[in-house]
Amino acid sequence: GEDAEAKRPTVQVGDPFTEKLLIEACLELMASDAIVAIQDMGAAGLTSSSVEMASKGGVGIELIMDDVPQREEGMTPYEMMLSESQERMLMVLKPGREDFAEAIFRKWELDFAVIGHVTETGRMVLRHKGEVVCDIPLAPLADDAPLYDRPHVPTEVPAAVTSPGCQDPAADLLKLMGSPDIASRRWIWEQYDHMVGGDTVQRPGGDAAVVRVHGTQKGLAMSTDCTPRYCYADPVTGGMQAVVETWRNITAVGAKPLAITNCLNFANPQRPE
């Protein structure tokens, strides 16, 4: 009803099952020679994926907005280009391999649509209902995008806090053991099946998760870490400490750190403080 529509989030809630189907379909397609380039639709949806992919390839791109699968009826080209619906991939296929790719996606019960083609113009062209609704160069949207230099105020490092004296060791110990920083997280991981597929080697509760890779003698180790109080005291040092902590946890399970990604949460750039 209208209430449900009003409460629906702007960014669609992820669907793990559909995501799994999409992963399998993409892996099967990538095992062939049909793909030239492929990218997921993250922030800014179709805009970021198409612009970034075309820019990296040194080509232009033309999209037919009428052919873009839509979350709801009546969406404008602007809304379609910025929609962040989940579980979507954009790919450039070799000419003549469209039917081959579609067959794979249909097998995995996924939608498939041809929505455009690459060009040699270095421009993004969008067509909607027979009209050109956008024709702009790609460069200013990608590597040549202007950089902001907004006013800013350096963050003051908070003064050191002296720990209060211990008046009741037993009570203080119980309080410390019950704090979120130390208490068991078992109640979290017991809500999920962490043994899906029987691939989990290092179970929850350790320094890092370890899963096996089928058909090999290799495993994958992953860890997510951050100490908020370090970042509060000094964002730069706190960021360094997060990387170092993750590195330590990965090596603690016998693995070799190979790659890193971040989950940076930036403040409002329009507020200097």
C-alpha atoms as a PDB file:
ATOM      1  CA  GLY A   1       0.000   0.000   0.000  1.00  0.00           C
ATOM      2  CA  GLU A   2       0.953   3.682   0.200  1.00  0.00           C
ATOM      3  CA  ASP A   3       2.493   3.247   3.659  1.00  0.00           C
ATOM      4  CA  ALA A   4       4.775   0.456   2.450  1.00  0.00           C
ATOM      5  CA  GLU A   5       5.798   2.540  -0.555  1.00  0.00           C
ATOM      6  CA  ALA A   6       6.608   5.517   1.667  1.00  0.00           C
ATOM      7  CA  LYS A   7       8.702   3.391   4.010  1.00  0.00           C
ATOM      8  CA  ARG A   8      10.707   1.759   1.221  1.00  0.00           C
ATOM      9  CA  PRO A   9      14.374   2.799   1.496  1.00  0.00           C
ATOM     10  CA  THR A  10      15.946   4.969  -1.194  1.00  0.00           C
ATOM     11  CA  VAL A  11      18.685   2.373  -1.670  1.00  0.00           C
ATOM     12  CA  GLN A  12      17.204  -1.059  -2.260  1.00  0.00           C
ATOM     13  CA  VAL A  13      17.878  -3.657   0.427  1.00  0.00           C
ATOM     14  CA  GLY A  14      20.314  -6.306  -0.764  1.00  0.00           C
ATOM     15  CA  ASP A  15      19.107  -9.801  -1.655  1.00  0.00           C
ATOM     16  CA  PRO A  16      21.810 -12.382  -0.754  1.00  0.00           C
ATOM     17  CA  PHE A  17      20.201 -15.146  -2.842  1.00  0.00           C
ATOM     18  CA  THR A  18      19.982 -13.011  -5.982  1.00  0.00           C
ATOM     19  CA  GLU A  19      23.548 -11.868  -5.331  1.00  0.00           C
ATOM     20  CA  LYS A  20      24.681 -15.494  -5.231  1.00  0.00           C
ATOM     21  CA  LEU A  21      22.942 -16.206  -8.543  1.00  0.00           C
ATOM     22  CA  LEU A  22      24.558 -13.124 -10.070  1.00  0.00           C
ATOM     23  CA  ILE A  23      28.000 -14.197  -8.873  1.00  0.00           C
ATOM     24  CA  GLU A  24      27.598 -17.651 -10.387  1.00  0.00           C
ATOM     25  CA  ALA A  25      26.336 -16.257 -13.693  1.00  0.00           C
ATOM     26  CA  CYS A  26      29.207 -13.765 -13.919  1.00  0.00           C
ATOM     27  CA  LEU A  27      31.806 -16.413 -13.078  1.00  0.00           C
ATOM     28  CA  GLU A  28      30.430 -18.702 -15.771  1.00  0.00           C
ATOM     29  CA  LEU A  29      30.414 -15.896 -18.320  1.00  0.00           C
ATOM     30  CA  MET A  30      33.916 -14.749 -17.356  1.00  0.00           C
ATOM     31  CA  ALA A  31      35.190 -18.273 -17.969  1.00  0.00           C
ATOM     32  CA  SER A  32      34.323 -17.743 -21.646  1.00  0.00           C
ATOM     33  CA  ASP A  33      35.804 -15.248 -24.097  1.00  0.00           C
ATOM     34  CA  ALA A  34      32.615 -13.203 -24.401  1.00  0.00           C
ATOM     35  CA  ILE A  35      33.451 -10.343 -22.022  1.00  0.00           C
ATOM     36  CA  VAL A  36      35.530  -7.279 -22.859  1.00  0.00           C
ATOM     37  CA  ALA A  37      34.906  -5.481 -19.554  1.00  0.00           C
ATOM     38  CA  ILE A  38      32.621  -5.885 -16.538  1.00  0.00           C
ATOM     39  CA  GLN A  39      31.844  -3.775 -13.478  1.00  0.00           C
ATOM     40  CA  ASP A  40      29.271  -3.829 -10.698  1.00  0.00           C
ATOM     41  CA  MET A  41      26.887  -0.938 -10.211  1.00  0.00           C
ATOM     42  CA  GLY A  42      27.859   0.593  -6.882  1.00  0.00           C
ATOM     43  CA  ALA A  43      27.361   4.182  -5.765  1.00  0.00           C
ATOM     44  CA  ALA A  44      25.685   6.289  -8.491  1.00  0.00           C
ATOM     45  CA  GLY A  45      24.577   3.061 -10.181  1.00  0.00           C
ATOM     46  CA  LEU A  46      24.641   3.065 -13.970  1.00  0.00           C
ATOM     47  CA  THR A  47      26.414   6.419 -14.106  1.00  0.00           C
ATOM     48  CA  SER A  48      29.540   5.363 -12.217  1.00  0.00           C
ATOM     49  CA  SER A  49      29.817   1.928 -13.811  1.00  0.00           C
ATOM     50  CA  SER A  50      29.388   3.113 -17.402  1.00  0.00           C
ATOM     51  CA  VAL A  51      31.577   6.212 -17.041  1.00  0.00           C
ATOM     52  CA  GLU A  52      34.400   4.437 -15.210  1.00  0.00           C
ATOM     53  CA  MET A  53      34.439   1.486 -17.591  1.00  0.00           C
ATOM     54  CA  ALA A  54      34.356   3.642 -20.733  1.00  0.00           C
ATOM     55  CA  SER A  55      37.018   5.968 -19.332  1.00  0.00           C
ATOM     56  CA  LYS A  56      39.371   3.091 -18.514  1.00  0.00           C
ATOM     57  CA  GLY A  57      38.884   1.722 -22.018  1.00  0.00           C
ATOM     58  CA  GLY A  58      39.474   5.060 -23.675  1.00  0.00           C
ATOM     59  CA  VAL A  59      36.143   4.920 -25.503  1.00  0.00           C
ATOM     60  CA  GLY A  60      32.768   6.602 -25.474  1.00  0.00           C
ATOM     61  CA  ILE A  61      29.423   5.036 -24.616  1.00  0.00           C
ATOM     62  CA  GLU A  62      25.865   5.383 -25.874  1.00  0.00           C
ATOM     63  CA  LEU A  63      22.950   4.094 -23.796  1.00  0.00           C
ATOM     64  CA  ILE A  64      19.329   3.586 -24.839  1.00  0.00           C
ATOM     65  CA  MET A  65      17.452   4.426 -21.653  1.00  0.00           C
ATOM     66  CA  ASP A  66      14.214   2.851 -22.913  1.00  0.00           C
ATOM     67  CA  ASP A  67      15.927  -0.556 -22.741  1.00  0.00           C
ATOM     68  CA  VAL A  68      17.189  -0.216 -19.154  1.00  0.00           C
ATOM     69  CA  PRO A  69      15.310  -2.562 -16.759  1.00  0.00           C
ATOM     70  CA  GLN A  70      13.483  -0.337 -14.283  1.00  0.00           C
ATOM     71  CA  ARG A  71      12.666  -0.782 -10.610  1.00  0.00           C
ATOM     72  CA  GLU A  72       9.324   0.929 -11.145  1.00  0.00           C
ATOM     73  CA  GLU A  73       7.335   2.463 -13.986  1.00  0.00           C
ATOM     74  CA  GLY A  74       7.735   6.036 -15.122  1.00  0.00           C
ATOM     75  CA  MET A  75      11.370   6.553 -14.117  1.00  0.00           C
ATOM     76  CA  THR A  76      13.159   9.442 -15.805  1.00  0.00           C
ATOM     77  CA  PRO A  77      16.594   9.001 -17.454  1.00  0.00           C
ATOM     78  CA  TYR A  78      18.052  10.991 -14.548  1.00  0.00           C
ATOM     79  CA  GLU A  79      16.574   8.547 -12.041  1.00  0.00           C
ATOM     80  CA  MET A  80      17.661   5.514 -14.050  1.00  0.00           C
ATOM     81  CA  MET A  81      21.247   6.731 -14.271  1.00  0.00           C
ATOM     82  CA  LEU A  82      21.489   7.337 -10.514  1.00  0.00           C
ATOM     83  CA  SER A  83      19.393   4.429  -9.241  1.00  0.00           C
ATOM     84  CA  GLU A  84      21.357   2.252  -6.828  1.00  0.00           C
ATOM     85  CA  SER A  85      19.257  -0.909  -7.012  1.00  0.00           C
ATOM     86  CA  GLN A  86      21.293  -3.863  -5.786  1.00  0.00           C
ATOM     87  CA  GLU A  87      22.579  -6.999  -7.546  1.00  0.00           C
ATOM     88  CA  ARG A  88      23.291  -5.460 -10.964  1.00  0.00           C
ATOM     89  CA  MET A  89      26.310  -5.747 -13.261  1.00  0.00           C
ATOM     90  CA  LEU A  90      27.227  -3.812 -16.389  1.00  0.00           C
ATOM     91  CA  MET A  91      29.368  -5.511 -19.007  1.00  0.00           C
ATOM     92  CA  VAL A  92      30.741  -4.883 -22.461  1.00  0.00           C
ATOM     93  CA  LEU A  93      30.446  -7.975 -24.628  1.00  0.00           C
ATOM     94  CA  LYS A  94      32.228  -8.918 -27.796  1.00  0.00           C
ATOM     95  CA  PRO A  95      30.026  -8.346 -30.867  1.00  0.00           C
ATOM     96  CA  GLY A  96      27.723 -11.271 -31.515  1.00  0.00           C
ATOM     97  CA  ARG A  97      27.999 -12.770 -28.017  1.00  0.00           C
ATOM     98  CA  GLU A  98      24.833 -11.201 -26.658  1.00  0.00           C
ATOM     99  CA  ASP A  99      22.683 -14.328 -27.087  1.00  0.00           C
ATOM    100  CA  PHE A 100      25.374 -16.479 -25.455  1.00  0.00           C
ATOM    101  CA  ALA A 101      25.512 -14.180 -22.424  1.00  0.00           C
ATOM    102  CA  GLU A 102      21.742 -13.937 -22.172  1.00  0.00           C
ATOM    103  CA  ALA A 103      21.393 -17.725 -22.167  1.00  0.00           C
ATOM    104  CA  ILE A 104      23.704 -17.958 -19.151  1.00  0.00           C
ATOM    105  CA  PHE A 105      21.811 -15.287 -17.219  1.00  0.00           C
ATOM    106  CA  ARG A 106      18.442 -16.825 -18.053  1.00  0.00           C
ATOM    107  CA  LYS A 107      19.743 -20.192 -16.836  1.00  0.00           C
ATOM    108  CA  TRP A 108      20.419 -18.592 -13.465  1.00  0.00           C
ATOM    109  CA  GLU A 109      16.939 -16.976 -13.560  1.00  0.00           C
ATOM    110  CA  LEU A 110      18.304 -13.446 -13.877  1.00  0.00           C
ATOM    111  CA  ASP A 111      17.219 -10.492 -16.012  1.00  0.00           C
ATOM    112  CA  PHE A 112      19.353  -9.556 -18.997  1.00  0.00           C
ATOM    113  CA  ALA A 113      19.157  -6.571 -21.323  1.00  0.00           C
ATOM    114  CA  VAL A 114      21.282  -4.983 -24.045  1.00  0.00           C
ATOM    115  CA  ILE A 115      21.120  -1.258 -23.273  1.00  0.00           C
ATOM    116  CA  GLY A 116      23.760   0.331 -25.499  1.00  0.00           C
ATOM    117  CA  HIS A 117      27.160   0.142 -27.157  1.00  0.00           C
ATOM    118  CA  VAL A 118      30.635   1.666 -27.010  1.00  0.00           C
ATOM    119  CA  THR A 119      31.702   4.398 -29.412  1.00  0.00           C
ATOM    120  CA  GLU A 120      34.915   6.122 -30.467  1.00  0.00           C
ATOM    121  CA  THR A 121      33.723   9.604 -29.499  1.00  0.00           C
ATOM    122  CA  GLY A 122      34.912   9.772 -25.891  1.00  0.00           C
ATOM    123  CA  ARG A 123      31.462  11.054 -24.962  1.00  0.00           C
ATOM    124  CA  MET A 124      28.463   9.778 -23.028  1.00  0.00           C
ATOM    125  CA  VAL A 125      25.283   9.904 -25.077  1.00  0.00           C
ATOM    126  CA  LEU A 126      21.902   8.965 -23.592  1.00  0.00           C
ATOM    127  CA  ARG A 127      18.815   8.452 -25.741  1.00  0.00           C
ATOM    128  CA  HIS A 128      15.281   8.326 -24.404  1.00  0.00           C
ATOM    129  CA  LYS A 129      12.105   8.033 -26.468  1.00  0.00           C
ATOM    130  CA  GLY A 130      13.979   8.885 -29.639  1.00  0.00           C
ATOM    131  CA  GLU A 131      15.645  12.009 -28.266  1.00  0.00           C
ATOM    132  CA  VAL A 132      19.191  12.684 -27.126  1.00  0.00           C
ATOM    133  CA  VAL A 133      18.782  13.690 -23.476  1.00  0.00           C
ATOM    134  CA  CYS A 134      22.499  13.783 -22.673  1.00  0.00           C
ATOM    135  CA  ASP A 135      25.652  14.311 -24.737  1.00  0.00           C
ATOM    136  CA  ILE A 136      28.694  15.195 -22.634  1.00  0.00           C
ATOM    137  CA  PRO A 137      32.421  14.366 -22.634  1.00  0.00           C
ATOM    138  CA  LEU A 138      33.468  11.526 -20.341  1.00  0.00           C
ATOM    139  CA  ALA A 139      36.785  12.959 -19.168  1.00  0.00           C
ATOM    140  CA  PRO A 140      35.346  15.557 -16.721  1.00  0.00           C
ATOM    141  CA  LEU A 141      33.302  12.761 -15.137  1.00  0.00           C
ATOM    142  CA  ALA A 142      36.302  10.502 -14.588  1.00  0.00           C
ATOM    143  CA  ASP A 143      40.061  11.143 -14.405  1.00  0.00           C
ATOM    144  CA  ASP A 144      39.756  14.847 -15.276  1.00  0.00           C
ATOM    145  CA  ALA A 145      37.013  15.576 -12.745  1.00  0.00           C
ATOM    146  CA  PRO A 146      37.580  18.851 -10.843  1.00  0.00           C
ATOM    147  CA  LEU A 147      38.783  18.550  -7.247  1.00  0.00           C
ATOM    148  CA  TYR A 148      37.244  20.487  -4.406  1.00  0.00           C
ATOM    149  CA  ASP A 149      39.449  22.457  -2.057  1.00  0.00           C
ATOM    150  CA  ARG A 150      36.978  23.338   0.650  1.00  0.00           C
ATOM    151  CA  PRO A 151      37.812  25.365   3.763  1.00  0.00           C
ATOM    152  CA  HIS A 152      38.699  23.163   6.683  1.00  0.00           C
ATOM    153  CA  VAL A 153      39.712  23.436  10.308  1.00  0.00           C
ATOM    154  CA  PRO A 154      42.321  21.006  11.703  1.00  0.00           C
ATOM    155  CA  THR A 155      40.884  18.672  14.316  1.00  0.00           C
ATOM    156  CA  GLU A 156      42.230  19.238  17.781  1.00  0.00           C
ATOM    157  CA  VAL A 157      43.590  16.145  19.471  1.00  0.00           C
ATOM    158  CA  PRO A 158      41.603  15.508  22.678  1.00  0.00           C
ATOM    159  CA  ALA A 159      43.512  15.857  25.897  1.00  0.00           C
ATOM    160  CA  ALA A 160      44.734  12.651  27.497  1.00  0.00           C
ATOM    161  CA  VAL A 161      42.374  11.204  30.065  1.00  0.00           C
ATOM    162  CA  THR A 162      43.757   9.904  33.332  1.00  0.00           C
ATOM    163  CA  SER A 163      42.275   6.563  34.396  1.00  0.00           C
ATOM    164  CA  PRO A 164      40.504   6.736  37.764  1.00  0.00           C
ATOM    165  CA  GLY A 165      41.854   4.696  40.601  1.00  0.00           C
ATOM    166  CA  CYS A 166      40.500   1.209  41.246  1.00  0.00           C
ATOM    167  CA  GLN A 167      38.333   1.149  44.370  1.00  0.00           C
ATOM    168  CA  ASP A 168      36.678  -2.266  43.924  1.00  0.00           C
ATOM    169  CA  PRO A 169      38.790  -4.596  41.727  1.00  0.00           C
ATOM    170  CA  ALA A 170      36.179  -7.378  41.606  1.00  0.00           C
ATOM    171  CA  ALA A 171      33.338  -5.082  40.540  1.00  0.00           C
ATOM    172  CA  ASP A 172      35.552  -3.254  38.047  1.00  0.00           C
ATOM    173  CA  LEU A 173      36.649  -6.578  36.533  1.00  0.00           C
ATOM    174  CA  LEU A 174      33.055  -7.713  36.031  1.00  0.00           C
ATOM    175  CA  LYS A 175      32.170  -4.373  34.437  1.00  0.00           C
ATOM    176  CA  LEU A 176      35.197  -4.595  32.156  1.00  0.00           C
ATOM    177  CA  MET A 177      34.374  -8.173  31.088  1.00  0.00           C
ATOM    178  CA  GLY A 178      30.829  -7.100  30.269  1.00  0.00           C
ATOM    179  CA  SER A 179      31.874  -4.224  28.016  1.00  0.00           C
ATOM    180  CA  PRO A 180      31.352  -4.617  24.229  1.00  0.00           C
ATOM    181  CA  ASP A 181      35.111  -4.358  23.644  1.00  0.00           C
ATOM    182  CA  ILE A 182      35.820  -7.545  25.589  1.00  0.00           C
ATOM    183  CA  ALA A 183      32.571  -9.520  25.910  1.00  0.00           C
ATOM    184  CA  SER A 184      31.954 -12.555  23.710  1.00  0.00           C
ATOM    185  CA  ARG A 185      30.418 -11.906  20.289  1.00  0.00           C
ATOM    186  CA  ARG A 186      28.981 -15.417  20.172  1.00  0.00           C
ATOM    187  CA  TRP A 187      25.412 -14.092  20.293  1.00  0.00           C
ATOM    188  CA  ILE A 188      26.098 -12.377  16.946  1.00  0.00           C
ATOM    189  CA  TRP A 189      27.603 -15.216  14.934  1.00  0.00           C
ATOM    190  CA  GLU A 190      25.199 -17.816  16.316  1.00  0.00           C
ATOM    191  CA  GLN A 191      22.420 -16.008  14.445  1.00  0.00           C
ATOM    192  CA  TYR A 192      23.982 -16.982  11.111  1.00  0.00           C
ATOM    193  CA  ASP A 193      25.100 -20.224   9.490  1.00  0.00           C
ATOM    194  CA  HIS A 194      28.848 -19.640   9.332  1.00  0.00           C
ATOM    195  CA  MET A 195      29.448 -23.152   7.956  1.00  0.00           C
ATOM    196  CA  VAL A 196      27.549 -22.714   4.671  1.00  0.00           C
ATOM    197  CA  GLY A 197      29.087 -25.031   2.085  1.00  0.00           C
ATOM    198  CA  GLY A 198      31.372 -26.595   4.678  1.00  0.00           C
ATOM    199  CA  ASP A 199      34.222 -24.312   3.609  1.00  0.00           C
ATOM    200  CA  THR A 200      34.892 -22.557   6.921  1.00  0.00           C
ATOM    201  CA  VAL A 201      38.285 -23.525   8.345  1.00  0.00           C
ATOM    202  CA  GLN A 202      38.706 -20.929  11.105  1.00  0.00           C
ATOM    203  CA  ARG A 203      35.414 -20.550  12.931  1.00  0.00           C
ATOM    204  CA  PRO A 204      34.165 -17.240  14.382  1.00  0.00           C
ATOM    205  CA  GLY A 205      35.895 -15.979  17.477  1.00  0.00           C
ATOM    206  CA  GLY A 206      39.470 -15.974  16.207  1.00  0.00           C
ATOM    207  CA  ASP A 207      41.654 -13.219  14.824  1.00  0.00           C
ATOM    208  CA  ALA A 208      40.542 -13.768  11.232  1.00  0.00           C
ATOM    209  CA  ALA A 209      38.132 -15.893   9.227  1.00  0.00           C
ATOM    210  CA  VAL A 210      39.655 -18.609   7.045  1.00  0.00           C
ATOM    211  CA  VAL A 211      37.838 -20.451   4.257  1.00  0.00           C
ATOM    212  CA  ARG A 212      39.129 -23.071   1.862  1.00  0.00           C
ATOM    213  CA  VAL A 213      39.264 -22.747  -1.925  1.00  0.00           C
ATOM    214  CA  HIS A 214      37.784 -25.796  -3.649  1.00  0.00           C
ATOM    215  CA  GLY A 215      40.122 -27.829  -5.805  1.00  0.00           C
ATOM    216  CA  THR A 216      43.268 -26.287  -4.337  1.00  0.00           C
ATOM    217  CA  GLN A 217      45.465 -26.482  -1.264  1.00  0.00           C
ATOM    218  CA  LYS A 218      44.886 -22.792  -0.628  1.00  0.00           C
ATOM    219  CA  GLY A 219      42.713 -20.841   1.760  1.00  0.00           C
ATOM    220  CA  LEU A 220      41.469 -17.272   2.071  1.00  0.00           C
ATOM    221  CA  ALA A 221      41.887 -15.308   5.289  1.00  0.00           C
ATOM    222  CA  MET A 222      39.863 -12.149   5.970  1.00  0.00           C
ATOM    223  CA  SER A 223      39.670  -9.710   8.850  1.00  0.00           C
ATOM    224  CA  THR A 224      37.768  -6.487   9.552  1.00  0.00           C
ATOM    225  CA  ASP A 225      39.220  -4.198  12.195  1.00  0.00           C
ATOM    226  CA  CYS A 226      39.096  -0.682  13.603  1.00  0.00           C
ATOM    227  CA  THR A 227      39.611   0.937  16.981  1.00  0.00           C
ATOM    228  CA  PRO A 228      37.200   3.898  17.130  1.00  0.00           C
ATOM    229  CA  ARG A 229      38.870   5.583  20.110  1.00  0.00           C
ATOM    230  CA  TYR A 230      42.139   5.791  18.161  1.00  0.00           C
ATOM    231  CA  CYS A 231      40.349   7.409  15.216  1.00  0.00           C
ATOM    232  CA  TYR A 232      38.576   9.835  17.543  1.00  0.00           C
ATOM    233  CA  ALA A 233      41.845  10.918  19.125  1.00  0.00           C
ATOM    234  CA  ASP A 234      43.749  11.173  15.831  1.00  0.00           C
ATOM    235  CA  PRO A 235      42.054  10.174  12.521  1.00  0.00           C
ATOM    236  CA  VAL A 236      45.347   9.722  10.637  1.00  0.00           C
ATOM    237  CA  THR A 237      46.998   7.587  13.303  1.00  0.00           C
ATOM    238  CA  GLY A 238      43.725   5.748  13.884  1.00  0.00           C
ATOM    239  CA  GLY A 239      43.577   4.826  10.189  1.00  0.00           C
ATOM    240  CA  MET A 240      47.133   3.550  10.318  1.00  0.00           C
ATOM    241  CA  GLN A 241      46.370   1.515  13.427  1.00  0.00           C
ATOM    242  CA  ALA A 242      43.367  -0.098  11.700  1.00  0.00           C
ATOM    243  CA  VAL A 243      45.578  -1.291   8.844  1.00  0.00           C
ATOM    244  CA  VAL A 244      48.252  -2.541  11.222  1.00  0.00           C
ATOM    245  CA  GLU A 245      45.709  -4.403  13.359  1.00  0.00           C
ATOM    246  CA  THR A 246      44.207  -6.116  10.326  1.00  0.00           C
ATOM    247  CA  TRP A 247      47.697  -7.058   9.119  1.00  0.00           C
ATOM    248  CA  ARG A 248      48.497  -8.608  12.492  1.00  0.00           C
ATOM    249  CA  ASN A 249      45.253 -10.582  12.588  1.00  0.00           C
ATOM    250  CA  ILE A 250      45.784 -11.953   9.072  1.00  0.00           C
ATOM    251  CA  THR A 251      49.345 -13.044   9.807  1.00  0.00           C
ATOM    252  CA  ALA A 252      48.244 -14.541  13.153  1.00  0.00           C
ATOM    253  CA  VAL A 253      46.377 -17.293  11.268  1.00  0.00           C
ATOM    254  CA  GLY A 254      49.360 -18.024   9.037  1.00  0.00           C
ATOM    255  CA  ALA A 255      48.177 -16.055   6.006  1.00  0.00           C
ATOM    256  CA  LYS A 256      49.960 -13.477   3.868  1.00  0.00           C
ATOM    257  CA  PRO A 257      48.179 -10.108   3.460  1.00  0.00           C
ATOM    258  CA  LEU A 258      47.598  -9.445  -0.239  1.00  0.00           C
ATOM    259  CA  ALA A 259      44.892  -6.799  -0.546  1.00  0.00           C
ATOM    260  CA  ILE A 260      42.973  -4.245   1.474  1.00  0.00           C
ATOM    261  CA  THR A 261      39.786  -2.246   1.096  1.00  0.00           C
ATOM    262  CA  ASN A 262      38.301   0.445   3.273  1.00  0.00           C
ATOM    263  CA  CYS A 263      34.984   1.549   4.681  1.00  0.00           C
ATOM    264  CA  LEU A 264      35.770   5.219   5.083  1.00  0.00           C
ATOM    265  CA  ASN A 265      33.066   7.403   6.565  1.00  0.00           C
ATOM    266  CA  PHE A 266      33.763  11.037   5.839  1.00  0.00           C
ATOM    267  CA  ALA A 267      32.235  13.994   7.613  1.00  0.00           C
ATOM    268  CA  ASN A 268      30.228  16.737   5.926  1.00  0.00           C
ATOM    269  CA  PRO A 269      32.717  18.611   3.642  1.00  0.00           C
ATOM    270  CA  GLN A 270      30.510  21.723   3.777  1.00  0.00           C
ATOM    271  CA  ARG A 271      31.221  22.139   7.497  1.00  0.00           C
ATOM    272  CA  PRO A 272      34.835  23.312   7.968  1.00  0.00           C
ATOM    273  CA  GLU A 273      34.989  22.006  11.516  1.00  0.00           C
END
